[in-house]
Amino acid sequence: MLADVYRVLFAQRGHQGWWPGETAFEMAVGAVLTQNTSWTNVERAIANLKAASALEARALLDLPIDELAALLRPAGYFNVKARRLRALAAFLIDRADGDPTRLPAGDPTRLRQDLLAVPGVGRETADSILLYAVGVPTFVIDAYTRRLFGRLGLLDPEADYDDLRAAFEAVLPRDPGLFNDFHAQIVAHAKDTCRPRPLCPECPFANWCPTAPREGGS
C-alpha cells in the first residue's frame, strides 16, 4: 500500500525535482535551516548566504558567528542555527573537504551515526543530508509523512521515527531517486491538499481514506 500511494501521487503531479539547491552543500545547509520554519524562510536565509559569498563550508565557517546569525535571521532561531551550521561545516571540512558528495558512503549506517553526532543534527536532518546531498537511499520522515499516512490508516503517526523509516525502506526498492521523489510528493500533497484542515474533495485518496468525510456522514 505504501508504494500504491506513491503511484497515485506521481500520476497526479509528475516528478517533483526536489530538493531545491545548486550544490550538495546548499542542500545540507537547507536541511538544517528548515528545522521549525517554512521553506520560504529558508530560501531567504540561503539568498543572504549567497549574497555574502558564504554558501561554502570554509567561507561559512570563517564568518564571525554574529554575522552568520544575522544572515540566517529569516529562518528563525538564527543564533541556534548559526551554531549548528558551523558545526556541520566543520564536520564536512574534516571528513570531506567541505563537500557532502565526498563523504564516505560505503557504510551508510556509520555515516548516519557520525552525522547524528554533529550538534543540532537530528534524525530527520541527518537523513535529509544523506538522501539529498549524498545520495544514500534512506527515507526521510517528517510531519507531513506522519499526517498523510496516519490519516490514510497505513502507519501509526505517533510511532518512533526509525520504525516509520524502516517501514518504508522494507517495501520500496533501495533507490535514492525513488526515495527523493516519494518524499517530495508527500510534502507537496500535504501542503496543497492534506493540510491540517484537509481539502478532502480534492484528494485522490478520498474514496478510500478512512478519515475522509462520506456523503450523508459528518
N, C-alpha and C. Protein backbone atom coordinates (compact mmCIF):
# COMPACT_ATOMS: atom_id res chain seq x y z
N MET A 1 0.82 -1.22 0.00
CA MET A 1 0.00 0.00 0.00
C MET A 1 0.85 1.27 0.00
N LEU A 2 2.02 1.25 0.65
CA LEU A 2 2.86 2.44 0.66
C LEU A 2 3.29 2.80 -0.76
N ALA A 3 3.67 1.78 -1.52
CA ALA A 3 4.07 2.04 -2.91
C ALA A 3 2.89 2.52 -3.75
N ASP A 4 1.68 2.04 -3.43
CA ASP A 4 0.49 2.50 -4.16
C ASP A 4 0.27 4.00 -3.97
N VAL A 5 0.55 4.48 -2.77
CA VAL A 5 0.40 5.91 -2.51
C VAL A 5 1.32 6.71 -3.42
N TYR A 6 2.55 6.24 -3.57
CA TYR A 6 3.47 6.94 -4.45
C TYR A 6 2.96 6.97 -5.89
N ARG A 7 2.45 5.84 -6.36
CA ARG A 7 1.98 5.79 -7.75
C ARG A 7 0.83 6.77 -7.97
N VAL A 8 -0.06 6.88 -7.00
CA VAL A 8 -1.18 7.82 -7.13
C VAL A 8 -0.68 9.26 -7.13
N LEU A 9 0.23 9.58 -6.24
CA LEU A 9 0.74 10.94 -6.16
C LEU A 9 1.54 11.30 -7.42
N PHE A 10 2.33 10.36 -7.90
CA PHE A 10 3.12 10.62 -9.10
C PHE A 10 2.21 10.85 -10.31
N ALA A 11 1.16 10.04 -10.40
CA ALA A 11 0.22 10.20 -11.52
C ALA A 11 -0.45 11.57 -11.48
N GLN A 12 -0.66 12.09 -10.28
CA GLN A 12 -1.34 13.38 -10.14
C GLN A 12 -0.40 14.55 -10.42
N ARG A 13 0.85 14.45 -9.99
CA ARG A 13 1.74 15.62 -10.00
C ARG A 13 2.96 15.50 -10.90
N GLY A 14 3.36 14.29 -11.26
CA GLY A 14 4.59 14.14 -12.01
C GLY A 14 5.81 14.30 -11.13
N HIS A 15 6.98 14.14 -11.71
CA HIS A 15 8.23 14.22 -10.96
C HIS A 15 8.41 15.60 -10.34
N GLN A 16 8.83 15.64 -9.08
CA GLN A 16 8.90 16.90 -8.34
C GLN A 16 10.25 17.62 -8.44
N GLY A 17 11.32 16.89 -8.71
CA GLY A 17 12.63 17.54 -8.82
C GLY A 17 13.11 18.21 -7.56
N TRP A 18 12.86 17.60 -6.44
CA TRP A 18 13.23 18.11 -5.13
C TRP A 18 14.51 17.40 -4.69
N TRP A 19 15.45 17.95 -4.03
CA TRP A 19 15.44 19.10 -3.13
C TRP A 19 16.01 20.31 -3.86
N PRO A 20 15.44 21.49 -3.71
CA PRO A 20 15.99 22.66 -4.40
C PRO A 20 17.36 23.03 -3.83
N GLY A 21 18.31 23.22 -4.72
CA GLY A 21 19.65 23.59 -4.28
C GLY A 21 20.63 23.40 -5.43
N GLU A 22 21.57 24.33 -5.56
CA GLU A 22 22.53 24.26 -6.66
C GLU A 22 23.70 23.34 -6.35
N THR A 23 24.01 23.15 -5.08
CA THR A 23 25.13 22.30 -4.69
C THR A 23 24.71 21.39 -3.54
N ALA A 24 25.50 20.34 -3.33
CA ALA A 24 25.21 19.44 -2.21
C ALA A 24 25.35 20.17 -0.88
N PHE A 25 26.31 21.09 -0.79
CA PHE A 25 26.46 21.83 0.46
C PHE A 25 25.24 22.70 0.72
N GLU A 26 24.71 23.33 -0.32
CA GLU A 26 23.49 24.13 -0.14
C GLU A 26 22.34 23.26 0.34
N MET A 27 22.23 22.04 -0.18
CA MET A 27 21.17 21.13 0.27
C MET A 27 21.36 20.79 1.75
N ALA A 28 22.61 20.55 2.16
CA ALA A 28 22.87 20.24 3.57
C ALA A 28 22.53 21.42 4.46
N VAL A 29 22.87 22.62 4.01
CA VAL A 29 22.52 23.83 4.76
C VAL A 29 21.00 23.95 4.87
N GLY A 30 20.30 23.71 3.78
CA GLY A 30 18.84 23.79 3.81
C GLY A 30 18.23 22.80 4.77
N ALA A 31 18.83 21.61 4.89
CA ALA A 31 18.31 20.60 5.80
C ALA A 31 18.36 21.08 7.25
N VAL A 32 19.37 21.86 7.59
CA VAL A 32 19.47 22.42 8.94
C VAL A 32 18.52 23.61 9.10
N LEU A 33 18.50 24.48 8.11
CA LEU A 33 17.71 25.70 8.23
C LEU A 33 16.21 25.43 8.25
N THR A 34 15.77 24.35 7.63
CA THR A 34 14.33 24.10 7.54
C THR A 34 13.73 23.62 8.86
N GLN A 35 14.57 23.38 9.86
CA GLN A 35 14.05 22.98 11.17
C GLN A 35 13.17 24.10 11.73
N ASN A 36 11.92 23.75 12.04
CA ASN A 36 10.98 24.66 12.71
C ASN A 36 10.68 25.94 11.93
N THR A 37 10.68 25.86 10.61
CA THR A 37 10.31 27.03 9.82
C THR A 37 9.83 26.58 8.45
N SER A 38 9.33 27.52 7.66
CA SER A 38 8.85 27.20 6.31
C SER A 38 10.00 27.29 5.31
N TRP A 39 9.80 26.64 4.16
CA TRP A 39 10.85 26.68 3.15
C TRP A 39 11.02 28.08 2.58
N THR A 40 9.97 28.86 2.55
CA THR A 40 10.08 30.24 2.08
C THR A 40 11.09 31.01 2.91
N ASN A 41 11.06 30.82 4.22
CA ASN A 41 12.01 31.49 5.10
C ASN A 41 13.43 30.97 4.88
N VAL A 42 13.54 29.66 4.63
CA VAL A 42 14.85 29.08 4.35
C VAL A 42 15.45 29.70 3.09
N GLU A 43 14.62 29.87 2.07
CA GLU A 43 15.11 30.46 0.82
C GLU A 43 15.67 31.87 1.05
N ARG A 44 15.03 32.63 1.92
CA ARG A 44 15.51 33.99 2.20
C ARG A 44 16.88 33.94 2.88
N ALA A 45 17.03 33.02 3.83
CA ALA A 45 18.31 32.89 4.52
C ALA A 45 19.40 32.41 3.56
N ILE A 46 19.08 31.47 2.70
CA ILE A 46 20.07 30.98 1.74
C ILE A 46 20.46 32.08 0.76
N ALA A 47 19.49 32.89 0.34
CA ALA A 47 19.80 34.02 -0.52
C ALA A 47 20.78 34.98 0.17
N ASN A 48 20.61 35.18 1.47
CA ASN A 48 21.54 36.03 2.22
C ASN A 48 22.94 35.43 2.22
N LEU A 49 23.02 34.11 2.41
CA LEU A 49 24.33 33.45 2.40
C LEU A 49 24.99 33.57 1.04
N LYS A 50 24.20 33.41 -0.02
CA LYS A 50 24.76 33.55 -1.37
C LYS A 50 25.27 34.96 -1.60
N ALA A 51 24.50 35.94 -1.20
CA ALA A 51 24.90 37.33 -1.40
C ALA A 51 26.18 37.66 -0.64
N ALA A 52 26.41 36.97 0.47
CA ALA A 52 27.62 37.19 1.28
C ALA A 52 28.76 36.26 0.86
N SER A 53 28.55 35.50 -0.22
CA SER A 53 29.55 34.51 -0.69
C SER A 53 29.94 33.55 0.42
N ALA A 54 28.93 33.13 1.20
CA ALA A 54 29.18 32.27 2.36
C ALA A 54 28.51 30.91 2.23
N LEU A 55 28.11 30.55 1.02
CA LEU A 55 27.43 29.27 0.86
C LEU A 55 28.44 28.20 0.41
N GLU A 56 29.49 28.13 1.19
CA GLU A 56 30.55 27.14 1.02
C GLU A 56 31.13 26.89 2.40
N ALA A 57 31.53 25.66 2.67
CA ALA A 57 31.83 25.28 4.05
C ALA A 57 32.89 26.17 4.71
N ARG A 58 34.01 26.40 4.05
CA ARG A 58 35.07 27.20 4.67
C ARG A 58 34.67 28.66 4.81
N ALA A 59 34.00 29.19 3.79
CA ALA A 59 33.56 30.58 3.87
C ALA A 59 32.56 30.77 4.99
N LEU A 60 31.66 29.82 5.15
CA LEU A 60 30.67 29.92 6.22
C LEU A 60 31.36 29.85 7.59
N LEU A 61 32.32 28.94 7.71
CA LEU A 61 32.99 28.77 8.99
C LEU A 61 33.85 29.99 9.33
N ASP A 62 34.34 30.70 8.32
CA ASP A 62 35.18 31.87 8.55
C ASP A 62 34.38 33.09 9.00
N LEU A 63 33.07 33.07 8.78
CA LEU A 63 32.25 34.21 9.19
C LEU A 63 32.19 34.29 10.72
N PRO A 64 32.31 35.47 11.28
CA PRO A 64 32.02 35.61 12.72
C PRO A 64 30.60 35.14 13.01
N ILE A 65 30.41 34.52 14.14
CA ILE A 65 29.13 33.89 14.44
C ILE A 65 27.99 34.89 14.45
N ASP A 66 28.25 36.12 14.89
CA ASP A 66 27.16 37.11 14.91
C ASP A 66 26.78 37.53 13.50
N GLU A 67 27.74 37.60 12.59
CA GLU A 67 27.44 37.93 11.20
C GLU A 67 26.66 36.80 10.53
N LEU A 68 27.07 35.56 10.82
CA LEU A 68 26.34 34.42 10.28
C LEU A 68 24.92 34.40 10.80
N ALA A 69 24.73 34.63 12.07
CA ALA A 69 23.39 34.63 12.65
C ALA A 69 22.51 35.70 12.01
N ALA A 70 23.09 36.86 11.73
CA ALA A 70 22.30 37.92 11.10
C ALA A 70 21.83 37.51 9.71
N LEU A 71 22.67 36.79 8.97
CA LEU A 71 22.28 36.32 7.64
C LEU A 71 21.16 35.29 7.73
N LEU A 72 21.13 34.54 8.82
CA LEU A 72 20.15 33.47 8.98
C LEU A 72 18.85 33.94 9.62
N ARG A 73 18.75 35.19 9.96
CA ARG A 73 17.60 35.70 10.70
C ARG A 73 16.26 35.30 10.07
N PRO A 74 16.09 35.33 8.72
CA PRO A 74 14.78 34.97 8.16
C PRO A 74 14.33 33.56 8.49
N ALA A 75 15.28 32.65 8.78
CA ALA A 75 14.93 31.26 9.04
C ALA A 75 14.52 31.01 10.49
N GLY A 76 14.58 32.03 11.34
CA GLY A 76 14.19 31.86 12.73
C GLY A 76 15.24 31.08 13.52
N TYR A 77 15.20 31.23 14.84
CA TYR A 77 16.16 30.55 15.72
C TYR A 77 17.58 30.75 15.18
N PHE A 78 17.87 31.94 14.73
CA PHE A 78 19.07 32.17 13.93
C PHE A 78 20.37 31.99 14.72
N ASN A 79 20.36 32.29 16.01
CA ASN A 79 21.56 32.07 16.81
C ASN A 79 21.85 30.57 16.96
N VAL A 80 20.80 29.81 17.20
CA VAL A 80 20.95 28.36 17.32
C VAL A 80 21.39 27.76 15.98
N LYS A 81 20.74 28.19 14.92
CA LYS A 81 21.07 27.62 13.60
C LYS A 81 22.46 28.02 13.14
N ALA A 82 22.92 29.19 13.55
CA ALA A 82 24.29 29.58 13.21
C ALA A 82 25.29 28.62 13.84
N ARG A 83 25.07 28.26 15.10
CA ARG A 83 25.97 27.31 15.76
C ARG A 83 25.89 25.94 15.10
N ARG A 84 24.68 25.53 14.73
CA ARG A 84 24.52 24.23 14.10
C ARG A 84 25.18 24.18 12.73
N LEU A 85 25.04 25.25 11.96
CA LEU A 85 25.68 25.27 10.65
C LEU A 85 27.20 25.28 10.76
N ARG A 86 27.73 25.99 11.74
CA ARG A 86 29.17 25.98 11.93
C ARG A 86 29.66 24.58 12.30
N ALA A 87 28.90 23.89 13.12
CA ALA A 87 29.29 22.53 13.50
C ALA A 87 29.24 21.59 12.29
N LEU A 88 28.20 21.75 11.46
CA LEU A 88 28.09 20.92 10.27
C LEU A 88 29.21 21.24 9.28
N ALA A 89 29.50 22.52 9.09
CA ALA A 89 30.57 22.91 8.17
C ALA A 89 31.91 22.34 8.64
N ALA A 90 32.17 22.40 9.94
CA ALA A 90 33.42 21.87 10.47
C ALA A 90 33.50 20.35 10.24
N PHE A 91 32.39 19.67 10.44
CA PHE A 91 32.35 18.22 10.19
C PHE A 91 32.65 17.92 8.72
N LEU A 92 32.02 18.66 7.81
CA LEU A 92 32.20 18.40 6.39
C LEU A 92 33.62 18.73 5.93
N ILE A 93 34.21 19.77 6.49
CA ILE A 93 35.59 20.10 6.15
C ILE A 93 36.51 18.98 6.63
N ASP A 94 36.27 18.49 7.84
CA ASP A 94 37.11 17.45 8.41
C ASP A 94 36.99 16.13 7.65
N ARG A 95 35.76 15.80 7.24
CA ARG A 95 35.53 14.48 6.65
C ARG A 95 35.54 14.46 5.12
N ALA A 96 35.24 15.61 4.50
CA ALA A 96 35.01 15.56 3.06
C ALA A 96 35.47 16.82 2.33
N ASP A 97 36.42 17.55 2.92
CA ASP A 97 36.91 18.77 2.29
C ASP A 97 35.77 19.74 2.00
N GLY A 98 34.74 19.69 2.83
CA GLY A 98 33.62 20.62 2.72
C GLY A 98 32.53 20.22 1.74
N ASP A 99 32.69 19.08 1.08
CA ASP A 99 31.76 18.67 0.02
C ASP A 99 31.02 17.40 0.45
N PRO A 100 29.71 17.48 0.73
CA PRO A 100 28.97 16.29 1.18
C PRO A 100 29.06 15.11 0.21
N THR A 101 29.22 15.38 -1.09
CA THR A 101 29.29 14.27 -2.05
C THR A 101 30.56 13.44 -1.87
N ARG A 102 31.51 13.97 -1.11
CA ARG A 102 32.76 13.24 -0.88
C ARG A 102 32.77 12.51 0.45
N LEU A 103 31.66 12.53 1.15
CA LEU A 103 31.56 11.75 2.39
C LEU A 103 31.63 10.26 2.06
N PRO A 104 32.31 9.47 2.89
CA PRO A 104 32.42 8.04 2.63
C PRO A 104 31.10 7.33 2.88
N ALA A 105 30.38 7.01 1.80
CA ALA A 105 29.03 6.45 1.93
C ALA A 105 29.01 4.93 1.84
N GLY A 106 30.19 4.31 1.87
CA GLY A 106 30.22 2.85 1.78
C GLY A 106 29.56 2.16 2.95
N ASP A 107 29.58 2.80 4.12
CA ASP A 107 28.91 2.27 5.31
C ASP A 107 27.89 3.32 5.75
N PRO A 108 26.68 3.31 5.15
CA PRO A 108 25.72 4.38 5.43
C PRO A 108 25.26 4.41 6.88
N THR A 109 25.24 3.26 7.55
CA THR A 109 24.83 3.25 8.96
C THR A 109 25.84 4.01 9.81
N ARG A 110 27.11 3.78 9.55
CA ARG A 110 28.16 4.50 10.29
C ARG A 110 28.15 5.99 9.96
N LEU A 111 27.95 6.30 8.68
CA LEU A 111 27.91 7.71 8.29
C LEU A 111 26.73 8.41 8.95
N ARG A 112 25.60 7.74 9.03
CA ARG A 112 24.44 8.33 9.70
C ARG A 112 24.74 8.58 11.18
N GLN A 113 25.39 7.64 11.82
CA GLN A 113 25.76 7.81 13.23
C GLN A 113 26.70 9.00 13.40
N ASP A 114 27.64 9.14 12.47
CA ASP A 114 28.57 10.27 12.55
C ASP A 114 27.84 11.60 12.39
N LEU A 115 26.90 11.65 11.46
CA LEU A 115 26.12 12.88 11.28
C LEU A 115 25.29 13.18 12.52
N LEU A 116 24.71 12.16 13.12
CA LEU A 116 23.89 12.36 14.31
C LEU A 116 24.72 12.86 15.50
N ALA A 117 26.03 12.66 15.43
CA ALA A 117 26.91 13.16 16.49
C ALA A 117 27.24 14.63 16.33
N VAL A 118 26.90 15.22 15.18
CA VAL A 118 27.12 16.65 14.96
C VAL A 118 26.05 17.42 15.74
N PRO A 119 26.44 18.38 16.57
CA PRO A 119 25.45 19.12 17.36
C PRO A 119 24.36 19.73 16.48
N GLY A 120 23.10 19.47 16.84
CA GLY A 120 21.97 20.04 16.13
C GLY A 120 21.48 19.22 14.96
N VAL A 121 22.14 18.11 14.66
CA VAL A 121 21.69 17.25 13.57
C VAL A 121 20.91 16.08 14.15
N GLY A 122 19.59 16.13 14.00
CA GLY A 122 18.73 15.04 14.44
C GLY A 122 18.50 14.06 13.32
N ARG A 123 17.59 13.12 13.55
CA ARG A 123 17.40 12.04 12.59
C ARG A 123 16.85 12.53 11.25
N GLU A 124 15.85 13.39 11.29
CA GLU A 124 15.29 13.89 10.03
C GLU A 124 16.33 14.70 9.25
N THR A 125 17.08 15.56 9.95
CA THR A 125 18.11 16.34 9.29
C THR A 125 19.19 15.46 8.72
N ALA A 126 19.64 14.48 9.49
CA ALA A 126 20.68 13.57 9.01
C ALA A 126 20.22 12.82 7.77
N ASP A 127 19.00 12.33 7.80
CA ASP A 127 18.50 11.57 6.65
C ASP A 127 18.30 12.46 5.43
N SER A 128 17.91 13.71 5.64
CA SER A 128 17.78 14.65 4.53
C SER A 128 19.14 14.89 3.88
N ILE A 129 20.17 15.06 4.69
CA ILE A 129 21.52 15.26 4.15
C ILE A 129 21.98 14.01 3.41
N LEU A 130 21.76 12.85 4.02
CA LEU A 130 22.18 11.60 3.38
C LEU A 130 21.48 11.38 2.05
N LEU A 131 20.17 11.59 2.02
CA LEU A 131 19.41 11.33 0.80
C LEU A 131 19.69 12.37 -0.28
N TYR A 132 19.53 13.64 0.07
CA TYR A 132 19.54 14.69 -0.95
C TYR A 132 20.94 15.18 -1.30
N ALA A 133 21.83 15.26 -0.32
CA ALA A 133 23.16 15.79 -0.58
C ALA A 133 24.18 14.71 -0.91
N VAL A 134 23.99 13.52 -0.34
CA VAL A 134 24.97 12.44 -0.52
C VAL A 134 24.48 11.38 -1.49
N GLY A 135 23.16 11.19 -1.57
CA GLY A 135 22.62 10.18 -2.47
C GLY A 135 22.48 8.81 -1.86
N VAL A 136 22.42 8.74 -0.53
CA VAL A 136 22.22 7.47 0.17
C VAL A 136 20.72 7.17 0.25
N PRO A 137 20.28 5.97 -0.09
CA PRO A 137 18.85 5.65 -0.03
C PRO A 137 18.36 5.46 1.40
N THR A 138 18.03 6.53 2.05
CA THR A 138 17.43 6.50 3.38
C THR A 138 16.17 7.34 3.32
N PHE A 139 15.06 6.83 3.83
CA PHE A 139 13.78 7.52 3.68
C PHE A 139 13.63 8.57 4.77
N VAL A 140 13.24 9.77 4.37
CA VAL A 140 13.07 10.88 5.30
C VAL A 140 11.65 10.89 5.83
N ILE A 141 11.52 10.93 7.15
CA ILE A 141 10.22 11.00 7.81
C ILE A 141 10.05 12.40 8.40
N ASP A 142 8.98 13.06 8.04
CA ASP A 142 8.71 14.38 8.59
C ASP A 142 7.25 14.47 9.05
N ALA A 143 6.86 15.65 9.48
CA ALA A 143 5.49 15.82 9.98
C ALA A 143 4.46 15.58 8.89
N TYR A 144 4.79 15.92 7.65
CA TYR A 144 3.87 15.69 6.55
C TYR A 144 3.63 14.19 6.34
N THR A 145 4.69 13.41 6.44
CA THR A 145 4.57 11.95 6.29
C THR A 145 3.69 11.37 7.38
N ARG A 146 3.89 11.81 8.60
CA ARG A 146 3.08 11.31 9.71
C ARG A 146 1.60 11.68 9.50
N ARG A 147 1.37 12.91 9.06
CA ARG A 147 -0.02 13.36 8.86
C ARG A 147 -0.71 12.54 7.78
N LEU A 148 -0.09 12.45 6.60
CA LEU A 148 -0.73 11.79 5.47
C LEU A 148 -0.96 10.31 5.74
N PHE A 149 0.06 9.60 6.17
CA PHE A 149 -0.07 8.16 6.32
C PHE A 149 -0.84 7.78 7.58
N GLY A 150 -0.86 8.69 8.56
CA GLY A 150 -1.73 8.47 9.70
C GLY A 150 -3.18 8.59 9.31
N ARG A 151 -3.52 9.60 8.51
CA ARG A 151 -4.90 9.76 8.06
C ARG A 151 -5.34 8.62 7.15
N LEU A 152 -4.41 8.13 6.34
CA LEU A 152 -4.74 7.01 5.46
C LEU A 152 -4.84 5.69 6.23
N GLY A 153 -4.44 5.69 7.49
CA GLY A 153 -4.51 4.47 8.30
C GLY A 153 -3.46 3.44 7.96
N LEU A 154 -2.38 3.89 7.31
CA LEU A 154 -1.34 2.95 6.89
C LEU A 154 -0.20 2.85 7.88
N LEU A 155 -0.02 3.88 8.70
CA LEU A 155 1.04 3.90 9.69
C LEU A 155 0.55 4.61 10.94
N ASP A 156 1.18 4.29 12.05
CA ASP A 156 0.89 4.98 13.31
C ASP A 156 1.65 6.29 13.33
N PRO A 157 0.97 7.42 13.29
CA PRO A 157 1.68 8.71 13.23
C PRO A 157 2.49 9.01 14.48
N GLU A 158 2.23 8.27 15.56
CA GLU A 158 2.97 8.50 16.79
C GLU A 158 4.14 7.53 16.96
N ALA A 159 4.36 6.68 15.96
CA ALA A 159 5.43 5.68 16.06
C ALA A 159 6.80 6.36 16.06
N ASP A 160 7.80 5.63 16.53
CA ASP A 160 9.17 6.14 16.56
C ASP A 160 9.66 6.43 15.14
N TYR A 161 10.46 7.46 15.02
CA TYR A 161 10.98 7.87 13.71
C TYR A 161 11.60 6.70 12.95
N ASP A 162 12.51 5.97 13.59
CA ASP A 162 13.22 4.91 12.89
C ASP A 162 12.31 3.74 12.53
N ASP A 163 11.25 3.52 13.31
CA ASP A 163 10.29 2.48 12.95
C ASP A 163 9.53 2.87 11.68
N LEU A 164 9.17 4.14 11.56
CA LEU A 164 8.49 4.60 10.36
C LEU A 164 9.43 4.55 9.15
N ARG A 165 10.65 4.97 9.35
CA ARG A 165 11.63 4.92 8.26
C ARG A 165 11.82 3.49 7.78
N ALA A 166 11.92 2.54 8.71
CA ALA A 166 12.11 1.15 8.35
C ALA A 166 10.91 0.59 7.60
N ALA A 167 9.71 1.07 7.92
CA ALA A 167 8.50 0.59 7.25
C ALA A 167 8.54 0.92 5.76
N PHE A 168 8.99 2.12 5.42
CA PHE A 168 9.12 2.50 4.02
C PHE A 168 10.24 1.72 3.34
N GLU A 169 11.37 1.65 4.00
CA GLU A 169 12.53 1.01 3.39
C GLU A 169 12.34 -0.48 3.20
N ALA A 170 11.43 -1.08 3.98
CA ALA A 170 11.21 -2.53 3.86
C ALA A 170 10.42 -2.89 2.61
N VAL A 171 9.65 -1.96 2.06
CA VAL A 171 8.76 -2.30 0.95
C VAL A 171 9.12 -1.59 -0.35
N LEU A 172 10.07 -0.67 -0.32
CA LEU A 172 10.44 0.08 -1.52
C LEU A 172 11.81 -0.35 -2.02
N PRO A 173 12.03 -0.31 -3.32
CA PRO A 173 13.37 -0.56 -3.84
C PRO A 173 14.35 0.45 -3.27
N ARG A 174 15.58 0.02 -3.01
CA ARG A 174 16.58 0.90 -2.41
C ARG A 174 17.14 1.84 -3.47
N ASP A 175 16.31 2.77 -3.86
CA ASP A 175 16.64 3.69 -4.95
C ASP A 175 16.57 5.12 -4.42
N PRO A 176 17.70 5.83 -4.32
CA PRO A 176 17.64 7.19 -3.78
C PRO A 176 16.75 8.12 -4.61
N GLY A 177 16.68 7.89 -5.93
CA GLY A 177 15.81 8.71 -6.75
C GLY A 177 14.35 8.52 -6.39
N LEU A 178 13.96 7.28 -6.13
CA LEU A 178 12.59 6.98 -5.71
C LEU A 178 12.30 7.60 -4.34
N PHE A 179 13.20 7.40 -3.38
CA PHE A 179 13.00 7.95 -2.04
C PHE A 179 12.90 9.47 -2.12
N ASN A 180 13.74 10.06 -2.93
CA ASN A 180 13.75 11.51 -3.11
C ASN A 180 12.38 11.99 -3.59
N ASP A 181 11.90 11.40 -4.69
CA ASP A 181 10.66 11.88 -5.27
C ASP A 181 9.45 11.54 -4.41
N PHE A 182 9.47 10.38 -3.75
CA PHE A 182 8.35 9.99 -2.90
C PHE A 182 8.20 11.01 -1.77
N HIS A 183 9.30 11.35 -1.13
CA HIS A 183 9.23 12.33 -0.05
C HIS A 183 8.74 13.68 -0.58
N ALA A 184 9.23 14.06 -1.75
CA ALA A 184 8.78 15.33 -2.35
C ALA A 184 7.29 15.31 -2.66
N GLN A 185 6.79 14.16 -3.13
CA GLN A 185 5.36 14.03 -3.41
C GLN A 185 4.54 14.19 -2.12
N ILE A 186 5.01 13.59 -1.05
CA ILE A 186 4.32 13.69 0.24
C ILE A 186 4.26 15.15 0.69
N VAL A 187 5.39 15.86 0.59
CA VAL A 187 5.44 17.26 1.01
C VAL A 187 4.46 18.09 0.19
N ALA A 188 4.49 17.90 -1.13
CA ALA A 188 3.60 18.70 -1.99
C ALA A 188 2.14 18.41 -1.69
N HIS A 189 1.79 17.13 -1.51
CA HIS A 189 0.39 16.78 -1.26
C HIS A 189 -0.07 17.31 0.11
N ALA A 190 0.79 17.20 1.10
CA ALA A 190 0.41 17.66 2.44
C ALA A 190 0.28 19.18 2.50
N LYS A 191 1.07 19.88 1.72
CA LYS A 191 0.97 21.34 1.70
C LYS A 191 -0.27 21.80 0.94
N ASP A 192 -0.57 21.12 -0.17
CA ASP A 192 -1.65 21.58 -1.05
C ASP A 192 -3.02 21.04 -0.68
N THR A 193 -3.07 19.79 -0.23
CA THR A 193 -4.36 19.11 -0.07
C THR A 193 -4.56 18.53 1.33
N CYS A 194 -3.63 17.69 1.77
CA CYS A 194 -3.78 17.05 3.09
C CYS A 194 -3.24 17.99 4.17
N ARG A 195 -3.87 19.15 4.25
CA ARG A 195 -3.46 20.18 5.18
C ARG A 195 -3.95 19.86 6.60
N PRO A 196 -3.54 20.66 7.58
CA PRO A 196 -4.11 20.46 8.92
C PRO A 196 -5.64 20.43 8.88
N ARG A 197 -6.24 21.29 8.04
CA ARG A 197 -7.67 21.20 7.71
C ARG A 197 -7.75 20.72 6.27
N PRO A 198 -7.89 19.42 6.07
CA PRO A 198 -7.70 18.84 4.74
C PRO A 198 -8.78 19.24 3.74
N LEU A 199 -8.36 19.29 2.47
CA LEU A 199 -9.27 19.55 1.36
C LEU A 199 -9.65 18.20 0.75
N CYS A 200 -10.44 17.44 1.46
CA CYS A 200 -10.73 16.07 1.07
C CYS A 200 -11.39 15.93 -0.31
N PRO A 201 -12.30 16.83 -0.71
CA PRO A 201 -12.90 16.67 -2.04
C PRO A 201 -11.89 16.73 -3.18
N GLU A 202 -10.73 17.35 -2.93
CA GLU A 202 -9.71 17.47 -3.97
C GLU A 202 -8.67 16.35 -3.90
N CYS A 203 -8.82 15.44 -2.97
CA CYS A 203 -7.79 14.44 -2.69
C CYS A 203 -8.01 13.17 -3.51
N PRO A 204 -6.96 12.64 -4.16
CA PRO A 204 -7.12 11.40 -4.93
C PRO A 204 -7.34 10.18 -4.06
N PHE A 205 -7.15 10.31 -2.75
CA PHE A 205 -7.36 9.20 -1.82
C PHE A 205 -8.71 9.26 -1.12
N ALA A 206 -9.54 10.21 -1.48
CA ALA A 206 -10.78 10.45 -0.74
C ALA A 206 -11.69 9.23 -0.69
N ASN A 207 -11.68 8.42 -1.74
CA ASN A 207 -12.60 7.27 -1.78
C ASN A 207 -12.22 6.16 -0.82
N TRP A 208 -10.94 6.11 -0.41
CA TRP A 208 -10.55 5.02 0.49
C TRP A 208 -9.84 5.49 1.75
N CYS A 209 -9.71 6.81 1.92
CA CYS A 209 -9.11 7.32 3.15
C CYS A 209 -10.13 7.19 4.28
N PRO A 210 -9.81 6.51 5.38
CA PRO A 210 -10.79 6.31 6.45
C PRO A 210 -11.18 7.58 7.18
N THR A 211 -10.39 8.65 7.04
CA THR A 211 -10.72 9.89 7.74
C THR A 211 -11.46 10.89 6.85
N ALA A 212 -11.63 10.58 5.57
CA ALA A 212 -12.33 11.50 4.67
C ALA A 212 -13.82 11.43 4.92
N PRO A 213 -14.53 12.56 4.86
CA PRO A 213 -15.97 12.55 5.05
C PRO A 213 -16.67 11.81 3.92
N ARG A 214 -17.76 11.16 4.23
CA ARG A 214 -18.57 10.44 3.25
C ARG A 214 -19.88 11.13 3.04
N GLU A 215 -20.47 10.93 1.88
CA GLU A 215 -21.79 11.51 1.62
C GLU A 215 -22.80 10.98 2.64
N GLY A 216 -23.54 11.90 3.21
CA GLY A 216 -24.51 11.51 4.21
C GLY A 216 -23.94 11.36 5.60
N GLY A 217 -22.60 11.53 5.70
CA GLY A 217 -21.95 11.41 7.01
C GLY A 217 -21.47 12.75 7.47
N SER A 218 -20.71 12.74 8.55
CA SER A 218 -20.20 14.00 9.12
C SER A 218 -18.90 14.39 8.45
